Amino acid sequence: MPFAFLKIFEDGAAVRIMVKTFCRLQPSCARGNTMQIAISNIRGYRLCAHHLAQKLPRTHTAEAAGACGLQNSPPGVWETALMNRLEGCTLQELRHALYCDKTLLQAWSFRGAPVVFPTGESDVFLTPLITRPGEEPWIYTRGIAAALDFLQIPFDTLLSLVKDAAGYLRDHTVKSKELLDRTLAGLVESALPPGKQALWSAPSMYANGQTVGEAAVSFLLRPCSFASLVVFGERRGASPTFTSFQRWTGCEPHRLPDAEKVLARKFLHCYGPTTVRSFMEWLGCSPQQAKRIWSSIADEMEPVQAGGKTCDMLSADLESLMAAEPEEDCFILMGAHDPYLDLKDRGVILEDTSLRRLVWRTVANPGVLLRGGRIAGIWRPKMRKECLDITITPFERLGSAGHRVVERLAEEYAAFRMLRLCKIEITEGITP
């Protein structure tokens, strides 16, 4: 008996029942095996899920940013990500959405990174990241152990003190991360018993010119962010500013009862087929927290075979996955740290393992040239006053037509950055 999948769709008062017999899509189903998914289907599907196969209208900023959030480290990479997702958007429009309209918000989110997402979805990108008992540590709080041992203060006690100190931001805005650490550390110190204050103000074991207290505060700002106690304000020169969610937006943080489910769905929709381990690495959380959130939508998933292993996929997205194919000669000049590059199954978009070290580096990642959803090269911009030089290193032959397309994309990027493209160099490529 062939495996059949039943799904009910509601369209106003009408209800349609759709039955898909997956053995027609994949012969292995008839043998009782888990459905096999081709790598090309995964690339094509993810391009669509990330709004990269076809750009959204320029007014759909929140939809583009809300697919899975946009990392903003180093500063400005979120802007390049949205340039590739919104038709004809400008740098001024994006910054207006973040700093003036405030339809977008920047806060420390998954992996403790600064992330830009829709303000109306703060309950999805912040609240679910709050740990429950037994779910510590997060990837960015593991390093605090040395400070805790030195101070002889339990983690939960210190976090409570830092959260109380962060209440200062309800009425104040602080310029620069260093001043934020120093300000909150001073407030915590005043609440410590005299015997702890000397330890708190001792030189840090992490960095010169820093106290132990400032280092401890720095580690704990991420959990404060998840509680909406601290968000990024507008940049002043080269420095960001920090205040509370309420002071910045003028309203209370949003609270959605099913926020954890929404976060898990977003991840699976953008990165499926995938695994709970990849979800854990994307969040930067403990296995316990990842499994808890993942299991909240277990009844919405289907197992599939992808890349030689069993993965999960949203049942609602299976049909789109099976039908997706990337357009081979669709080129994208993608910035570093784009969400599309943000998974550990790197073989999906770059098969050659010897080339991956050129793309995913410890620091200073380059941008990538996508072709048909796979990485076909790397690129780097270099600013000279109001001019921009771009160097592109293909991993394969582009052909004369490919060269023309890539040159046009470089010109579009320079225009987006409000710079003049002075020089574009396309090298002969890299031999692994």
Protein backbone atom coordinates (compact mmCIF):
# COMPACT_ATOMS: atom_id res chain seq x y z
CA MET A 1 0.00 0.00 0.00
CA PRO A 2 1.68 3.27 -1.05
CA PHE A 3 2.32 5.86 1.64
CA ALA A 4 -0.15 8.72 1.38
CA PHE A 5 -0.02 12.09 3.10
CA LEU A 6 -3.29 13.83 4.02
CA LYS A 7 -3.50 17.56 4.66
CA ILE A 8 -6.47 19.84 5.19
CA PHE A 9 -6.41 23.44 3.98
CA GLU A 10 -8.93 26.07 5.02
CA ASP A 11 -9.77 28.89 2.60
CA GLY A 12 -12.51 31.02 4.15
CA ALA A 13 -15.54 28.79 4.48
CA ALA A 14 -14.24 26.30 1.93
CA VAL A 15 -12.26 23.27 3.01
CA ARG A 16 -10.16 21.39 0.49
CA ILE A 17 -8.64 17.97 1.14
CA MET A 18 -5.45 17.29 -0.68
CA VAL A 19 -3.93 13.83 -0.88
CA LYS A 20 -0.35 13.47 -2.08
CA THR A 21 0.96 10.01 -2.88
CA PHE A 22 4.66 10.53 -2.33
CA CYS A 23 5.68 7.35 -4.13
CA ARG A 24 4.82 9.22 -7.34
CA LEU A 25 7.37 11.86 -6.34
CA GLN A 26 10.01 9.47 -5.06
CA PRO A 27 10.13 5.74 -5.93
CA SER A 28 11.81 4.77 -2.68
CA CYS A 29 8.55 5.53 -0.86
CA ALA A 30 6.97 2.48 -2.42
CA ARG A 31 9.64 0.37 -0.79
CA GLY A 32 8.72 1.71 2.63
CA ASN A 33 11.88 3.85 2.91
CA THR A 34 12.05 7.44 4.13
CA MET A 35 11.70 9.92 1.28
CA GLN A 36 15.02 10.78 -0.40
CA ILE A 37 15.62 14.50 -1.05
CA ALA A 38 18.09 15.64 -3.71
CA ILE A 39 20.61 18.35 -2.85
CA SER A 40 19.39 20.45 -5.77
CA ASN A 41 15.86 20.41 -4.29
CA ILE A 42 17.23 21.63 -0.96
CA ARG A 43 19.11 24.50 -2.59
CA GLY A 44 16.11 25.53 -4.66
CA TYR A 45 13.78 25.31 -1.67
CA ARG A 46 16.03 27.31 0.65
CA LEU A 47 16.52 30.06 -1.93
CA CYS A 48 12.73 30.49 -1.99
CA ALA A 49 12.35 30.29 1.78
CA HIS A 50 15.01 32.99 2.23
CA HIS A 51 13.34 35.22 -0.40
CA LEU A 52 16.41 34.94 -2.62
CA ALA A 53 14.86 33.18 -5.63
CA GLN A 54 12.56 36.14 -6.18
CA LYS A 55 12.88 39.44 -4.37
CA LEU A 56 10.00 40.82 -2.33
CA PRO A 57 8.53 44.28 -3.01
CA ARG A 58 10.58 46.98 -1.29
CA THR A 59 7.77 47.66 1.20
CA HIS A 60 7.93 44.10 2.61
CA THR A 61 10.88 44.85 4.89
CA ALA A 62 9.45 43.12 7.95
CA GLU A 63 8.60 39.97 5.99
CA ALA A 64 12.14 39.72 4.62
CA ALA A 65 13.79 40.37 7.98
CA GLY A 66 11.39 38.12 9.84
CA ALA A 67 12.05 34.96 7.85
CA CYS A 68 14.83 33.97 10.28
CA GLY A 69 16.37 37.24 11.49
CA LEU A 70 19.46 38.99 10.15
CA GLN A 71 22.80 38.88 11.95
CA ASN A 72 24.45 42.30 12.19
CA SER A 73 28.01 41.42 13.07
CA PRO A 74 30.08 43.01 11.66
CA PRO A 75 27.84 46.09 11.56
CA GLY A 76 26.06 46.61 8.25
CA VAL A 77 25.77 43.01 7.05
CA TRP A 78 22.01 43.06 7.72
CA GLU A 79 21.67 45.84 5.14
CA THR A 80 23.39 43.78 2.43
CA ALA A 81 21.18 40.81 3.30
CA LEU A 82 18.02 42.88 2.78
CA MET A 83 19.37 44.41 -0.43
CA ASN A 84 19.36 40.89 -1.87
CA ARG A 85 15.78 40.24 -0.68
CA LEU A 86 13.94 43.49 -1.46
CA GLU A 87 13.41 44.87 -4.94
CA GLY A 88 14.97 48.31 -5.36
CA CYS A 89 15.38 49.10 -1.65
CA THR A 90 17.76 51.84 -0.57
CA LEU A 91 20.13 52.13 2.35
CA GLN A 92 18.23 55.15 3.63
CA GLU A 93 14.94 53.22 3.67
CA LEU A 94 16.42 50.35 5.66
CA ARG A 95 18.02 52.62 8.25
CA HIS A 96 14.79 54.59 8.52
CA ALA A 97 12.93 51.34 9.30
CA LEU A 98 15.43 50.51 12.06
CA TYR A 99 16.06 53.91 13.61
CA CYS A 100 12.99 56.06 12.81
CA ASP A 101 9.90 54.00 12.06
CA LYS A 102 11.31 51.30 14.35
CA THR A 103 9.45 48.59 12.48
CA LEU A 104 12.78 46.75 12.77
CA LEU A 105 14.69 46.20 15.99
CA GLN A 106 18.25 45.17 16.81
CA ALA A 107 19.03 43.14 19.92
CA TRP A 108 21.30 40.31 21.05
CA SER A 109 19.51 37.15 19.97
CA PHE A 110 20.51 33.64 18.79
CA ARG A 111 24.15 32.73 19.47
CA GLY A 112 24.36 35.97 21.42
CA ALA A 113 24.85 37.87 18.15
CA PRO A 114 23.31 41.25 17.32
CA VAL A 115 20.28 40.41 15.17
CA VAL A 116 17.86 42.64 13.25
CA PHE A 117 14.24 41.43 13.16
CA PRO A 118 10.72 42.89 13.06
CA THR A 119 9.88 44.77 16.24
CA GLY A 120 6.48 43.10 16.24
CA GLU A 121 8.20 39.70 16.52
CA SER A 122 10.40 40.43 19.52
CA ASP A 123 8.52 37.73 21.40
CA VAL A 124 9.78 35.21 18.80
CA PHE A 125 13.40 36.31 18.49
CA LEU A 126 13.99 37.05 22.20
CA THR A 127 11.58 35.48 24.70
CA PRO A 128 11.96 31.80 23.65
CA LEU A 129 15.71 32.06 24.23
CA ILE A 130 15.23 32.46 27.98
CA THR A 131 16.46 29.27 29.63
CA ARG A 132 14.59 27.11 32.08
CA PRO A 133 16.23 25.35 35.06
CA GLY A 134 18.77 22.79 33.88
CA GLU A 135 19.17 24.33 30.41
CA GLU A 136 22.32 26.36 30.96
CA PRO A 137 24.88 27.11 29.71
CA TRP A 138 24.47 29.07 26.52
CA ILE A 139 27.47 29.24 24.21
CA TYR A 140 28.16 32.87 25.20
CA THR A 141 27.86 32.39 28.99
CA ARG A 142 30.23 29.43 29.30
CA GLY A 143 33.22 31.74 29.63
CA ILE A 144 31.83 33.39 32.76
CA ALA A 145 32.89 30.41 34.88
CA ALA A 146 36.31 31.94 35.67
CA ALA A 147 34.70 35.14 36.94
CA LEU A 148 32.14 33.24 39.02
CA ASP A 149 34.86 31.14 40.63
CA PHE A 150 36.84 34.28 41.44
CA LEU A 151 33.83 36.12 42.84
CA GLN A 152 32.30 33.08 44.54
CA ILE A 153 28.85 34.21 43.44
CA PRO A 154 26.34 31.73 41.92
CA PHE A 155 25.30 32.32 38.30
CA ASP A 156 21.61 32.85 39.10
CA THR A 157 22.40 35.31 41.89
CA LEU A 158 24.65 37.37 39.67
CA LEU A 159 22.20 37.31 36.77
CA SER A 160 19.48 38.64 39.06
CA LEU A 161 21.75 41.49 40.17
CA VAL A 162 22.64 42.41 36.58
CA LYS A 163 18.97 42.33 35.54
CA ASP A 164 18.14 44.69 38.41
CA ALA A 165 20.94 47.00 37.29
CA ALA A 166 19.67 46.90 33.70
CA GLY A 167 16.51 48.60 34.98
CA TYR A 168 18.62 51.77 34.68
CA LEU A 169 18.02 51.61 30.92
CA ARG A 170 14.29 52.18 31.33
CA ASP A 171 15.12 55.89 31.73
CA HIS A 172 18.56 56.18 30.14
CA THR A 173 20.46 55.60 26.90
CA VAL A 174 24.12 54.60 27.07
CA LYS A 175 26.62 55.14 24.27
CA SER A 176 29.08 52.29 23.51
CA LYS A 177 29.28 48.74 24.76
CA GLU A 178 32.26 49.55 27.02
CA LEU A 179 30.31 52.30 28.81
CA LEU A 180 27.32 49.98 29.16
CA ASP A 181 29.47 47.34 30.88
CA ARG A 182 31.01 49.96 33.15
CA THR A 183 27.70 51.62 34.05
CA LEU A 184 25.88 48.42 34.96
CA ALA A 185 28.93 47.04 36.76
CA GLY A 186 28.94 50.14 38.95
CA LEU A 187 25.28 49.65 39.82
CA VAL A 188 25.83 45.98 40.67
CA GLU A 189 28.85 46.82 42.83
CA SER A 190 26.75 49.10 45.02
CA ALA A 191 24.43 46.15 45.73
CA LEU A 192 27.25 43.75 46.71
CA PRO A 193 28.40 43.17 50.27
CA PRO A 194 31.67 44.98 51.14
CA GLY A 195 33.66 41.76 51.03
CA LYS A 196 32.73 41.20 47.37
CA GLN A 197 33.23 44.75 46.13
CA ALA A 198 37.01 44.52 46.09
CA LEU A 199 36.85 41.32 44.04
CA TRP A 200 34.29 42.89 41.70
CA SER A 201 36.56 45.84 40.93
CA ALA A 202 39.74 43.73 40.58
CA PRO A 203 41.50 43.56 37.16
CA SER A 204 39.76 41.22 34.73
CA MET A 205 41.20 37.84 33.81
CA TYR A 206 39.78 38.31 30.31
CA ALA A 207 41.08 41.65 28.99
CA ASN A 208 43.36 44.51 29.95
CA GLY A 209 41.65 47.69 31.13
CA GLN A 210 38.57 45.79 32.25
CA THR A 211 37.41 44.82 35.76
CA VAL A 212 36.06 41.41 36.75
CA GLY A 213 32.65 43.03 37.27
CA GLU A 214 32.61 44.58 33.81
CA ALA A 215 33.50 41.22 32.28
CA ALA A 216 30.74 39.47 34.22
CA VAL A 217 28.20 42.07 33.08
CA SER A 218 29.33 41.63 29.47
CA PHE A 219 28.61 37.89 29.62
CA LEU A 220 25.17 38.45 31.15
CA LEU A 221 23.91 41.15 28.79
CA ARG A 222 22.58 38.46 26.45
CA PRO A 223 20.14 36.97 28.97
CA CYS A 224 19.12 40.55 29.79
CA SER A 225 18.39 41.08 26.11
CA PHE A 226 16.13 38.02 25.99
CA ALA A 227 14.10 39.64 28.77
CA SER A 228 13.87 42.86 26.67
CA LEU A 229 15.86 44.77 29.27
CA VAL A 230 18.44 45.99 26.73
CA VAL A 231 18.24 46.64 22.97
CA PHE A 232 20.36 48.56 20.49
CA GLY A 233 19.47 52.16 19.77
CA GLU A 234 20.74 54.37 16.97
CA ARG A 235 24.44 54.42 16.17
CA ARG A 236 26.34 57.58 17.09
CA GLY A 237 29.36 57.71 14.87
CA ALA A 238 31.15 54.38 15.17
CA SER A 239 29.43 53.46 18.44
CA PRO A 240 26.04 51.84 19.03
CA THR A 241 23.77 53.05 21.81
CA PHE A 242 21.80 50.90 24.25
CA THR A 243 18.54 51.34 26.09
CA SER A 244 15.49 49.28 27.08
CA PHE A 245 12.89 47.88 24.71
CA GLN A 246 10.19 50.05 26.27
CA ARG A 247 12.23 53.28 26.08
CA TRP A 248 13.26 52.63 22.47
CA THR A 249 9.90 51.51 21.07
CA GLY A 250 7.51 53.32 23.39
CA CYS A 251 5.58 50.14 24.14
CA GLU A 252 5.77 47.03 26.28
CA PRO A 253 7.47 43.91 24.89
CA HIS A 254 5.20 41.63 22.91
CA ARG A 255 4.14 38.35 24.45
CA LEU A 256 3.00 35.46 22.25
CA PRO A 257 2.03 32.21 24.03
CA ASP A 258 3.33 30.02 21.16
CA ALA A 259 6.51 32.02 20.50
CA GLU A 260 8.76 28.96 20.88
CA LYS A 261 6.77 27.08 18.26
CA VAL A 262 6.95 30.03 15.88
CA LEU A 263 10.73 30.21 16.29
CA ALA A 264 11.12 26.49 15.58
CA ARG A 265 8.85 26.77 12.53
CA LYS A 266 10.88 29.68 11.16
CA PHE A 267 14.07 27.68 11.49
CA LEU A 268 12.63 24.57 9.84
CA HIS A 269 11.01 26.61 7.08
CA CYS A 270 14.25 28.39 6.18
CA TYR A 271 16.78 25.60 6.80
CA GLY A 272 14.89 22.36 6.29
CA PRO A 273 15.47 19.53 5.89
CA THR A 274 17.54 19.72 9.05
CA THR A 275 18.10 18.32 12.54
CA VAL A 276 17.67 19.31 16.17
CA ARG A 277 21.46 19.44 16.44
CA SER A 278 21.62 22.09 13.72
CA PHE A 279 18.85 23.97 15.55
CA MET A 280 20.93 23.85 18.74
CA GLU A 281 24.00 25.19 16.93
CA TRP A 282 21.97 27.93 15.24
CA LEU A 283 20.57 29.08 18.58
CA GLY A 284 23.83 28.57 20.49
CA CYS A 285 21.91 26.91 23.33
CA SER A 286 22.19 23.69 25.32
CA PRO A 287 20.90 20.36 23.96
CA GLN A 288 18.18 20.35 26.61
CA GLN A 289 16.71 23.68 25.53
CA ALA A 290 16.96 22.85 21.81
CA LYS A 291 15.15 19.52 22.29
CA ARG A 292 12.39 21.14 24.35
CA ILE A 293 11.65 23.79 21.72
CA TRP A 294 12.05 21.33 18.85
CA SER A 295 9.64 18.83 20.37
CA SER A 296 6.95 21.51 20.69
CA ILE A 297 6.24 21.14 16.96
CA ALA A 298 7.01 17.42 16.61
CA ASP A 299 3.53 16.78 15.21
CA GLU A 300 4.21 19.26 12.39
CA MET A 301 7.33 17.46 11.05
CA GLU A 302 8.05 14.61 8.66
CA PRO A 303 11.32 12.61 8.48
CA VAL A 304 13.21 12.64 5.17
CA GLN A 305 16.59 11.45 3.93
CA ALA A 306 18.97 14.25 2.91
CA GLY A 307 22.72 14.06 2.47
CA GLY A 308 22.83 10.49 3.71
CA LYS A 309 21.13 11.16 7.04
CA THR A 310 17.65 11.39 8.47
CA CYS A 311 16.42 14.95 8.84
CA ASP A 312 13.14 16.65 9.66
CA MET A 313 10.99 18.86 7.46
CA LEU A 314 7.80 20.78 8.08
CA SER A 315 4.96 18.71 6.66
CA ALA A 316 3.45 21.88 5.18
CA ASP A 317 6.66 22.50 3.18
CA LEU A 318 7.22 19.01 1.74
CA GLU A 319 5.44 19.68 -1.53
CA SER A 320 7.41 22.90 -2.10
CA LEU A 321 10.65 21.10 -1.28
CA MET A 322 10.03 18.32 -3.78
CA ALA A 323 9.13 20.79 -6.53
CA ALA A 324 11.98 23.26 -5.95
CA GLU A 325 14.89 23.51 -8.38
CA PRO A 326 17.40 26.38 -8.43
CA GLU A 327 17.87 28.41 -11.59
CA GLU A 328 21.43 27.52 -12.61
CA ASP A 329 22.46 30.92 -13.96
CA CYS A 330 20.88 32.96 -11.17
CA PHE A 331 23.80 34.89 -9.62
CA ILE A 332 23.70 36.66 -6.25
CA LEU A 333 26.50 38.76 -4.78
CA MET A 334 25.83 37.81 -1.17
CA GLY A 335 27.35 39.52 1.84
CA ALA A 336 29.25 37.79 4.64
CA HIS A 337 27.14 36.22 7.42
CA ASP A 338 24.00 36.17 5.31
CA PRO A 339 21.34 33.91 6.90
CA TYR A 340 21.49 31.62 3.85
CA LEU A 341 25.07 30.71 4.82
CA ASP A 342 24.18 30.11 8.44
CA LEU A 343 24.10 26.30 8.76
CA LYS A 344 26.54 23.48 9.41
CA ASP A 345 25.42 21.33 6.44
CA ARG A 346 27.76 23.34 4.26
CA GLY A 347 28.04 20.59 1.66
CA VAL A 348 24.59 21.60 0.38
CA ILE A 349 26.00 24.85 -1.02
CA LEU A 350 29.75 24.08 -1.29
CA GLU A 351 30.69 20.50 -1.96
CA ASP A 352 34.48 20.98 -2.09
CA THR A 353 35.69 20.79 1.52
CA SER A 354 39.04 22.40 0.66
CA LEU A 355 37.26 25.61 -0.37
CA ARG A 356 35.07 25.93 2.73
CA ARG A 357 37.90 27.34 4.83
CA LEU A 358 38.02 30.31 2.43
CA VAL A 359 34.34 31.06 3.02
CA TRP A 360 33.73 30.28 6.70
CA ARG A 361 36.67 31.79 8.57
CA THR A 362 37.31 32.45 12.25
CA VAL A 363 37.25 36.19 11.50
CA ALA A 364 36.75 38.40 8.46
CA ASN A 365 34.49 36.20 6.37
CA PRO A 366 34.30 37.28 2.71
CA GLY A 367 31.11 37.72 0.76
CA VAL A 368 30.17 34.88 -1.55
CA LEU A 369 29.08 34.63 -5.16
CA LEU A 370 26.06 32.35 -5.43
CA ARG A 371 25.21 30.59 -8.66
CA GLY A 372 22.12 28.44 -8.66
CA GLY A 373 22.11 28.47 -4.87
CA ARG A 374 25.65 27.08 -4.52
CA ILE A 375 28.81 29.00 -3.72
CA ALA A 376 30.69 29.74 -6.96
CA GLY A 377 33.26 32.17 -5.54
CA ILE A 378 34.10 34.76 -2.92
CA TRP A 379 34.37 38.55 -3.06
CA ARG A 380 35.69 41.42 -0.98
CA PRO A 381 34.92 45.14 -1.10
CA LYS A 382 37.47 47.85 -0.33
CA MET A 383 36.45 51.45 0.30
CA ARG A 384 38.57 54.42 -0.79
CA LYS A 385 36.89 57.69 0.26
CA GLU A 386 33.73 57.72 -1.89
CA CYS A 387 34.97 54.95 -4.15
CA LEU A 388 34.58 51.20 -3.91
CA ASP A 389 36.86 48.49 -5.29
CA ILE A 390 35.54 44.93 -5.52
CA THR A 391 37.64 41.82 -6.02
CA ILE A 392 35.83 38.63 -7.01
CA THR A 393 37.51 35.22 -6.98
CA PRO A 394 35.38 32.61 -8.78
CA PHE A 395 35.72 28.92 -7.95
CA GLU A 396 34.64 28.00 -11.48
CA ARG A 397 34.44 29.44 -14.99
CA LEU A 398 31.73 32.08 -15.27
CA GLY A 399 31.76 32.59 -19.02
CA SER A 400 31.38 35.94 -20.74
CA ALA A 401 27.68 36.17 -19.87
CA GLY A 402 28.42 35.34 -16.22
CA HIS A 403 31.09 38.04 -16.11
CA ARG A 404 28.62 40.64 -17.36
CA VAL A 405 26.03 39.64 -14.77
CA VAL A 406 28.57 39.74 -11.92
CA GLU A 407 29.83 43.17 -13.02
CA ARG A 408 26.26 44.46 -13.01
CA LEU A 409 25.70 43.07 -9.49
CA ALA A 410 28.88 44.82 -8.30
CA GLU A 411 27.60 48.11 -9.73
CA GLU A 412 24.25 47.61 -7.99
CA TYR A 413 25.98 46.92 -4.67
CA ALA A 414 28.11 50.07 -4.97
CA ALA A 415 25.02 52.14 -5.78
CA PHE A 416 23.22 50.66 -2.77
CA ARG A 417 26.15 51.70 -0.57
CA MET A 418 25.99 55.17 -2.17
CA LEU A 419 29.53 54.76 -3.51
CA ARG A 420 31.09 54.90 -6.96
CA LEU A 421 32.46 51.60 -8.25
CA CYS A 422 36.02 52.49 -9.20
CA LYS A 423 37.42 49.07 -9.97
CA ILE A 424 36.14 45.54 -10.26
CA GLU A 425 38.61 42.69 -10.60
CA ILE A 426 37.49 39.17 -11.43
CA THR A 427 40.39 36.77 -11.01
CA GLU A 428 40.92 33.54 -12.90
CA GLY A 429 39.65 31.45 -10.00
CA ILE A 430 41.03 29.02 -7.44
CA THR A 431 42.21 25.48 -8.06
CA PRO A 432 41.61 23.41 -4.91
